PDB file of all heavy atoms in Angstrom:
ATOM      1  N   ALA A   1     189.113-118.083-174.905  1.00  0.00           N
ATOM      2  CA  ALA A   1     189.013-118.645-173.552  1.00  0.00           C
ATOM      3  C   ALA A   1     189.991-119.780-173.334  1.00  0.00           C
ATOM      4  O   ALA A   1     190.703-119.843-172.338  1.00  0.00           O
ATOM      5  CB  ALA A   1     187.591-119.096-173.279  1.00  0.00           C
ATOM      6  N   ARG A   2     190.058-120.664-174.329  1.00  0.00           N
ATOM      7  CA  ARG A   2     190.975-121.815-174.217  1.00  0.00           C
ATOM      8  C   ARG A   2     192.446-121.362-174.227  1.00  0.00           C
ATOM      9  O   ARG A   2     193.265-121.886-173.477  1.00  0.00           O
ATOM     10  CB  ARG A   2     190.698-122.827-175.320  1.00  0.00           C
ATOM     11  CG  ARG A   2     189.398-123.614-175.103  1.00  0.00           C
ATOM     12  CD  ARG A   2     189.240-124.737-176.095  1.00  0.00           C
ATOM     13  NE  ARG A   2     188.879-124.243-177.414  1.00  0.00           N
ATOM     14  CZ  ARG A   2     187.634-124.238-177.923  1.00  0.00           C
ATOM     15  NH1 ARG A   2     186.623-124.674-177.179  1.00  0.00           N
ATOM     16  NH2 ARG A   2     187.399-123.791-179.126  1.00  0.00           N
ATOM     17  N   LEU A   3     192.759-120.410-175.100  1.00  0.00           N
ATOM     18  CA  LEU A   3     194.133-119.916-175.125  1.00  0.00           C
ATOM     19  C   LEU A   3     194.545-119.271-173.791  1.00  0.00           C
ATOM     20  O   LEU A   3     195.669-119.481-173.320  1.00  0.00           O
ATOM     21  CB  LEU A   3     194.287-118.862-176.250  1.00  0.00           C
ATOM     22  CG  LEU A   3     194.366-119.415-177.674  1.00  0.00           C
ATOM     23  CD1 LEU A   3     194.221-118.289-178.694  1.00  0.00           C
ATOM     24  CD2 LEU A   3     195.688-120.167-177.919  1.00  0.00           C
ATOM     25  N   LEU A   4     193.629-118.530-173.185  1.00  0.00           N
ATOM     26  CA  LEU A   4     193.959-117.872-171.934  1.00  0.00           C
ATOM     27  C   LEU A   4     194.042-118.892-170.768  1.00  0.00           C
ATOM     28  O   LEU A   4     194.842-118.670-169.855  1.00  0.00           O
ATOM     29  CB  LEU A   4     192.959-116.772-171.630  1.00  0.00           C
ATOM     30  CG  LEU A   4     193.161-115.511-172.493  1.00  0.00           C
ATOM     31  CD1 LEU A   4     192.046-114.522-172.288  1.00  0.00           C
ATOM     32  CD2 LEU A   4     194.508-114.855-172.178  1.00  0.00           C
ATOM     33  N   ARG A   5     193.265-119.935-170.827  1.00  0.00           N
ATOM     34  CA  ARG A   5     193.428-121.006-169.827  1.00  0.00           C
ATOM     35  C   ARG A   5     194.786-121.646-169.966  1.00  0.00           C
ATOM     36  O   ARG A   5     195.517-121.836-168.965  1.00  0.00           O
ATOM     37  CB  ARG A   5     192.300-122.025-169.999  1.00  0.00           C
ATOM     38  CG  ARG A   5     192.462-123.346-169.222  1.00  0.00           C
ATOM     39  CD  ARG A   5     192.613-123.193-167.725  1.00  0.00           C
ATOM     40  NE  ARG A   5     191.641-122.332-167.093  1.00  0.00           N
ATOM     41  CZ  ARG A   5     190.389-122.716-166.717  1.00  0.00           C
ATOM     42  NH1 ARG A   5     189.974-123.949-166.992  1.00  0.00           N
ATOM     43  NH2 ARG A   5     189.602-121.870-166.122  1.00  0.00           N
ATOM     44  N   ILE A   6     195.209-121.943-171.186  1.00  0.00           N
ATOM     45  CA  ILE A   6     196.546-122.500-171.424  1.00  0.00           C
ATOM     46  C   ILE A   6     197.625-121.512-170.977  1.00  0.00           C
ATOM     47  O   ILE A   6     198.588-121.892-170.302  1.00  0.00           O
ATOM     48  CB  ILE A   6     196.717-122.845-172.917  1.00  0.00           C
ATOM     49  CG1 ILE A   6     195.792-124.007-173.305  1.00  0.00           C
ATOM     50  CG2 ILE A   6     198.176-123.207-173.240  1.00  0.00           C
ATOM     51  CD1 ILE A   6     195.639-124.199-174.805  1.00  0.00           C
ATOM     52  N   ARG A   7     197.444-120.259-171.337  1.00  0.00           N
ATOM     53  CA  ARG A   7     198.433-119.240-171.000  1.00  0.00           C
ATOM     54  C   ARG A   7     198.572-119.087-169.498  1.00  0.00           C
ATOM     55  O   ARG A   7     199.687-119.023-168.948  1.00  0.00           O
ATOM     56  CB  ARG A   7     198.017-117.891-171.627  1.00  0.00           C
ATOM     57  CG  ARG A   7     198.995-116.718-171.437  1.00  0.00           C
ATOM     58  CD  ARG A   7     198.432-115.506-172.185  1.00  0.00           C
ATOM     59  NE  ARG A   7     199.323-114.348-172.152  1.00  0.00           N
ATOM     60  CZ  ARG A   7     199.292-113.382-171.239  1.00  0.00           C
ATOM     61  NH1 ARG A   7     198.435-113.460-170.228  1.00  0.00           N
ATOM     62  NH2 ARG A   7     200.117-112.354-171.324  1.00  0.00           N
ATOM     63  N   GLY A   8     197.443-119.026-168.779  1.00  0.00           N
ATOM     64  CA  GLY A   8     197.474-118.899-167.331  1.00  0.00           C
ATOM     65  C   GLY A   8     198.189-120.059-166.679  1.00  0.00           C
ATOM     66  O   GLY A   8     199.001-119.900-165.764  1.00  0.00           O
ATOM     67  N   GLN A   9     197.851-121.273-167.119  1.00  0.00           N
ATOM     68  CA  GLN A   9     198.498-122.442-166.529  1.00  0.00           C
ATOM     69  C   GLN A   9     199.986-122.465-166.843  1.00  0.00           C
ATOM     70  O   GLN A   9     200.823-122.783-165.967  1.00  0.00           O
ATOM     71  CB  GLN A   9     197.822-123.718-167.077  1.00  0.00           C
ATOM     72  CG  GLN A   9     196.407-123.915-166.544  1.00  0.00           C
ATOM     73  CD  GLN A   9     195.676-125.075-167.241  1.00  0.00           C
ATOM     74  OE1 GLN A   9     196.007-125.468-168.354  1.00  0.00           O
ATOM     75  NE2 GLN A   9     194.701-125.631-166.545  1.00  0.00           N
ATOM     76  N   ALA A  10     200.348-122.122-168.079  1.00  0.00           N
ATOM     77  CA  ALA A  10     201.767-122.154-168.478  1.00  0.00           C
ATOM     78  C   ALA A  10     202.594-121.111-167.735  1.00  0.00           C
ATOM     79  O   ALA A  10     203.722-121.387-167.352  1.00  0.00           O
ATOM     80  CB  ALA A  10     201.879-121.945-169.987  1.00  0.00           C
ATOM     81  N   MET A  11     202.025-119.922-167.560  1.00  0.00           N
ATOM     82  CA  MET A  11     202.752-118.865-166.847  1.00  0.00           C
ATOM     83  C   MET A  11     202.926-119.215-165.369  1.00  0.00           C
ATOM     84  O   MET A  11     203.976-118.954-164.776  1.00  0.00           O
ATOM     85  CB  MET A  11     202.020-117.538-167.028  1.00  0.00           C
ATOM     86  CG  MET A  11     202.074-117.001-168.461  1.00  0.00           C
ATOM     87  SD  MET A  11     201.102-115.497-168.752  1.00  0.00           S
ATOM     88  CE  MET A  11     202.233-114.241-168.190  1.00  0.00           C
ATOM     89  N   GLN A  12     201.892-119.833-164.804  1.00  0.00           N
ATOM     90  CA  GLN A  12     201.977-120.212-163.388  1.00  0.00           C
ATOM     91  C   GLN A  12     203.019-121.305-163.145  1.00  0.00           C
ATOM     92  O   GLN A  12     203.736-121.280-162.158  1.00  0.00           O
ATOM     93  CB  GLN A  12     200.609-120.693-162.896  1.00  0.00           C
ATOM     94  CG  GLN A  12     200.556-120.967-161.398  1.00  0.00           C
ATOM     95  CD  GLN A  12     200.892-119.732-160.581  1.00  0.00           C
ATOM     96  OE1 GLN A  12     200.174-118.745-160.604  1.00  0.00           O
ATOM     97  NE2 GLN A  12     202.006-119.759-159.866  1.00  0.00           N
ATOM     98  N   SER A  13     203.104-122.237-164.080  1.00  0.00           N
ATOM     99  CA  SER A  13     203.998-123.388-163.868  1.00  0.00           C
ATOM    100  C   SER A  13     205.400-123.173-164.439  1.00  0.00           C
ATOM    101  O   SER A  13     206.246-124.047-164.328  1.00  0.00           O
ATOM    102  CB  SER A  13     203.369-124.637-164.509  1.00  0.00           C
ATOM    103  OG  SER A  13     203.220-124.474-165.896  1.00  0.00           O
ATOM    104  N   ALA A  14     205.680-122.017-165.018  1.00  0.00           N
ATOM    105  CA  ALA A  14     206.984-121.776-165.639  1.00  0.00           C
ATOM    106  C   ALA A  14     208.132-121.732-164.627  1.00  0.00           C
ATOM    107  O   ALA A  14     209.251-122.052-164.966  1.00  0.00           O
ATOM    108  CB  ALA A  14     206.944-120.479-166.449  1.00  0.00           C
ATOM    109  N   THR A  15     207.817-121.325-163.414  1.00  0.00           N
ATOM    110  CA  THR A  15     208.845-121.215-162.366  1.00  0.00           C
ATOM    111  C   THR A  15     208.332-121.847-161.087  1.00  0.00           C
ATOM    112  O   THR A  15     207.130-121.805-160.810  1.00  0.00           O
ATOM    113  CB  THR A  15     209.221-119.747-162.059  1.00  0.00           C
ATOM    114  OG1 THR A  15     208.004-119.048-161.667  1.00  0.00           O
ATOM    115  CG2 THR A  15     209.838-119.063-163.251  1.00  0.00           C
ATOM    116  N   PRO A  16     209.208-122.421-160.259  1.00  0.00           N
ATOM    117  CA  PRO A  16     208.772-122.943-158.946  1.00  0.00           C
ATOM    118  C   PRO A  16     208.188-121.845-158.096  1.00  0.00           C
ATOM    119  O   PRO A  16     208.705-120.703-158.081  1.00  0.00           O
ATOM    120  CB  PRO A  16     210.059-123.513-158.343  1.00  0.00           C
ATOM    121  CG  PRO A  16     210.962-123.765-159.523  1.00  0.00           C
ATOM    122  CD  PRO A  16     210.640-122.687-160.511  1.00  0.00           C
ATOM    123  N   LEU A  17     207.142-122.130-157.396  1.00  0.00           N
ATOM    124  CA  LEU A  17     206.461-121.141-156.575  1.00  0.00           C
ATOM    125  C   LEU A  17     207.413-120.502-155.591  1.00  0.00           C
ATOM    126  O   LEU A  17     208.176-121.186-154.923  1.00  0.00           O
ATOM    127  CB  LEU A  17     205.290-121.788-155.842  1.00  0.00           C
ATOM    128  CG  LEU A  17     204.226-120.833-155.238  1.00  0.00           C
ATOM    129  CD1 LEU A  17     203.536-120.062-156.338  1.00  0.00           C
ATOM    130  CD2 LEU A  17     203.221-121.629-154.417  1.00  0.00           C
ATOM    131  N   GLY A  18     207.405-119.171-155.537  1.00  0.00           N
ATOM    132  CA  GLY A  18     208.211-118.461-154.554  1.00  0.00           C
ATOM    133  C   GLY A  18     209.605-118.088-155.015  1.00  0.00           C
ATOM    134  O   GLY A  18     210.302-117.335-154.327  1.00  0.00           O
ATOM    135  N   THR A  19     210.027-118.609-156.193  1.00  0.00           N
ATOM    136  CA  THR A  19     211.394-118.302-156.648  1.00  0.00           C
ATOM    137  C   THR A  19     211.471-116.998-157.423  1.00  0.00           C
ATOM    138  O   THR A  19     212.573-116.452-157.594  1.00  0.00           O
ATOM    139  CB  THR A  19     211.915-119.445-157.539  1.00  0.00           C
ATOM    140  OG1 THR A  19     211.078-119.595-158.658  1.00  0.00           O
ATOM    141  CG2 THR A  19     211.980-120.749-156.767  1.00  0.00           C
ATOM    142  N   GLY A  20     210.345-116.509-157.899  1.00  0.00           N
ATOM    143  CA  GLY A  20     210.313-115.263-158.647  1.00  0.00           C
ATOM    144  C   GLY A  20     209.569-114.187-157.891  1.00  0.00           C
ATOM    145  O   GLY A  20     208.903-114.459-156.857  1.00  0.00           O
ATOM    146  N   ALA A  21     209.649-112.960-158.391  1.00  0.00           N
ATOM    147  CA  ALA A  21     208.964-111.847-157.716  1.00  0.00           C
ATOM    148  C   ALA A  21     208.796-110.721-158.742  1.00  0.00           C
ATOM    149  O   ALA A  21     209.436-110.702-159.811  1.00  0.00           O
ATOM    150  CB  ALA A  21     209.768-111.365-156.512  1.00  0.00           C
ATOM    151  N   MET A  22     207.953-109.758-158.367  1.00  0.00           N
ATOM    152  CA  MET A  22     207.770-108.546-159.142  1.00  0.00           C
ATOM    153  C   MET A  22     207.704-107.356-158.177  1.00  0.00           C
ATOM    154  O   MET A  22     207.254-107.523-157.014  1.00  0.00           O
ATOM    155  CB  MET A  22     206.483-108.606-159.997  1.00  0.00           C
ATOM    156  CG  MET A  22     206.483-109.732-161.002  1.00  0.00           C
ATOM    157  SD  MET A  22     204.981-109.839-162.014  1.00  0.00           S
ATOM    158  CE  MET A  22     205.284-108.496-163.187  1.00  0.00           C
ATOM    159  N   ALA A  23     208.119-106.212-158.625  1.00  0.00           N
ATOM    160  CA  ALA A  23     208.066-105.001-157.781  1.00  0.00           C
ATOM    161  C   ALA A  23     207.697-103.804-158.643  1.00  0.00           C
ATOM    162  O   ALA A  23     208.142-103.689-159.796  1.00  0.00           O
ATOM    163  CB  ALA A  23     209.409-104.747-157.095  1.00  0.00           C
ATOM    164  N   ALA A  24     206.902-102.908-158.092  1.00  0.00           N
ATOM    165  CA  ALA A  24     206.532-101.665-158.761  1.00  0.00           C
ATOM    166  C   ALA A  24     207.493-100.562-158.296  1.00  0.00           C
ATOM    167  O   ALA A  24     207.667-100.358-157.082  1.00  0.00           O
ATOM    168  CB  ALA A  24     205.108-101.299-158.432  1.00  0.00           C
ATOM    169  N   LEU A  25     208.108 -99.899-159.256  1.00  0.00           N
ATOM    170  CA  LEU A  25     209.015 -98.784-158.972  1.00  0.00           C
ATOM    171  C   LEU A  25     208.253 -97.510-159.319  1.00  0.00           C
ATOM    172  O   LEU A  25     207.857 -97.284-160.458  1.00  0.00           O
ATOM    173  CB  LEU A  25     210.287 -98.896-159.817  1.00  0.00           C
ATOM    174  CG  LEU A  25     211.005-100.232-159.802  1.00  0.00           C
ATOM    175  CD1 LEU A  25     212.264-100.188-160.654  1.00  0.00           C
ATOM    176  CD2 LEU A  25     211.329-100.676-158.393  1.00  0.00           C
ATOM    177  N   LEU A  26     208.062 -96.649-158.337  1.00  0.00           N
ATOM    178  CA  LEU A  26     207.226 -95.480-158.483  1.00  0.00           C
ATOM    179  C   LEU A  26     208.093 -94.216-158.575  1.00  0.00           C
ATOM    180  O   LEU A  26     209.080 -94.074-157.864  1.00  0.00           O
ATOM    181  CB  LEU A  26     206.220 -95.367-157.334  1.00  0.00           C
ATOM    182  CG  LEU A  26     205.345 -96.597-157.127  1.00  0.00           C
ATOM    183  CD1 LEU A  26     204.382 -96.387-156.002  1.00  0.00           C
ATOM    184  CD2 LEU A  26     204.593 -96.960-158.446  1.00  0.00           C
ATOM    185  N   ASP A  27     207.643 -93.301-159.431  1.00  0.00           N
ATOM    186  CA  ASP A  27     208.319 -92.023-159.675  1.00  0.00           C
ATOM    187  C   ASP A  27     209.735 -92.222-160.210  1.00  0.00           C
ATOM    188  O   ASP A  27     210.661 -91.477-159.885  1.00  0.00           O
ATOM    189  CB  ASP A  27     208.365 -91.177-158.386  1.00  0.00           C
ATOM    190  CG  ASP A  27     207.018 -90.545-158.091  1.00  0.00           C
ATOM    191  OD1 ASP A  27     206.070 -90.751-158.893  1.00  0.00           O
ATOM    192  OD2 ASP A  27     206.900 -89.855-157.064  1.00  0.00           O
ATOM    193  N   LEU A  28     209.891 -93.242-161.080  1.00  0.00           N
ATOM    194  CA  LEU A  28     211.157 -93.476-161.775  1.00  0.00           C
ATOM    195  C   LEU A  28     210.836 -93.656-163.238  1.00  0.00           C
ATOM    196  O   LEU A  28     209.904 -94.380-163.591  1.00  0.00           O
ATOM    197  CB  LEU A  28     211.809 -94.721-161.216  1.00  0.00           C
ATOM    198  CG  LEU A  28     213.341 -94.814-161.259  1.00  0.00           C
ATOM    199  CD1 LEU A  28     213.999 -93.696-160.415  1.00  0.00           C
ATOM    200  CD2 LEU A  28     213.805 -96.177-160.751  1.00  0.00           C
ATOM    201  N   ASP A  29     211.569 -93.002-164.132  1.00  0.00           N
ATOM    202  CA  ASP A  29     211.301 -93.136-165.554  1.00  0.00           C
ATOM    203  C   ASP A  29     211.775 -94.496-166.042  1.00  0.00           C
ATOM    204  O   ASP A  29     212.544 -95.199-165.369  1.00  0.00           O
ATOM    205  CB  ASP A  29     211.954 -92.018-166.352  1.00  0.00           C
ATOM    206  CG  ASP A  29     213.482 -92.087-166.285  1.00  0.00           C
ATOM    207  OD1 ASP A  29     214.078 -92.894-167.035  1.00  0.00           O
ATOM    208  OD2 ASP A  29     214.062 -91.384-165.440  1.00  0.00           O
ATOM    209  N   PHE A  30     211.290 -94.898-167.228  1.00  0.00           N
ATOM    210  CA  PHE A  30     211.546 -96.251-167.713  1.00  0.00           C
ATOM    211  C   PHE A  30     213.027 -96.524-167.902  1.00  0.00           C
ATOM    212  O   PHE A  30     213.535 -97.593-167.514  1.00  0.00           O
ATOM    213  CB  PHE A  30     210.800 -96.491-169.032  1.00  0.00           C
ATOM    214  CG  PHE A  30     211.055 -97.873-169.567  1.00  0.00           C
ATOM    215  CD1 PHE A  30     210.394 -98.963-169.017  1.00  0.00           C
ATOM    216  CD2 PHE A  30     211.938 -98.079-170.616  1.00  0.00           C
ATOM    217  CE1 PHE A  30     210.644-100.253-169.484  1.00  0.00           C
ATOM    218  CE2 PHE A  30     212.182 -99.346-171.101  1.00  0.00           C
ATOM    219  CZ  PHE A  30     211.546-100.436-170.537  1.00  0.00           C
ATOM    220  N   ALA A  31     213.766 -95.599-168.474  1.00  0.00           N
ATOM    221  CA  ALA A  31     215.175 -95.832-168.743  1.00  0.00           C
ATOM    222  C   ALA A  31     215.942 -96.078-167.437  1.00  0.00           C
ATOM    223  O   ALA A  31     216.795 -97.004-167.365  1.00  0.00           O
ATOM    224  CB  ALA A  31     215.802 -94.670-169.497  1.00  0.00           C
ATOM    225  N   THR A  32     215.612 -95.310-166.410  1.00  0.00           N
ATOM    226  CA  THR A  32     216.307 -95.486-165.119  1.00  0.00           C
ATOM    227  C   THR A  32     215.895 -96.784-164.451  1.00  0.00           C
ATOM    228  O   THR A  32     216.737 -97.479-163.857  1.00  0.00           O
ATOM    229  CB  THR A  32     215.994 -94.271-164.187  1.00  0.00           C
ATOM    230  OG1 THR A  32     216.302 -93.069-164.873  1.00  0.00           O
ATOM    231  CG2 THR A  32     216.812 -94.368-162.915  1.00  0.00           C
ATOM    232  N   ALA A  33     214.603 -97.142-164.565  1.00  0.00           N
ATOM    233  CA  ALA A  33     214.130 -98.408-164.026  1.00  0.00           C
ATOM    234  C   ALA A  33     214.782 -99.589-164.699  1.00  0.00           C
ATOM    235  O   ALA A  33     215.191-100.557-164.053  1.00  0.00           O
ATOM    236  CB  ALA A  33     212.615 -98.477-164.137  1.00  0.00           C
ATOM    237  N   ALA A  34     214.882 -99.530-166.015  1.00  0.00           N
ATOM    238  CA  ALA A  34     215.510-100.630-166.760  1.00  0.00           C
ATOM    239  C   ALA A  34     216.990-100.731-166.390  1.00  0.00           C
ATOM    240  O   ALA A  34     217.538-101.853-166.272  1.00  0.00           O
ATOM    241  CB  ALA A  34     215.372-100.387-168.263  1.00  0.00           C
TER     242      ALA A  34
END
């Protein structure tokens, strides 16, 4: 529990809010996505 609290806080604060993003690519194999 303590490790995951630390992990969650550290991952959230690693970058300024709004500067990063994630996207799901559908129907594309891993090599092509990479």
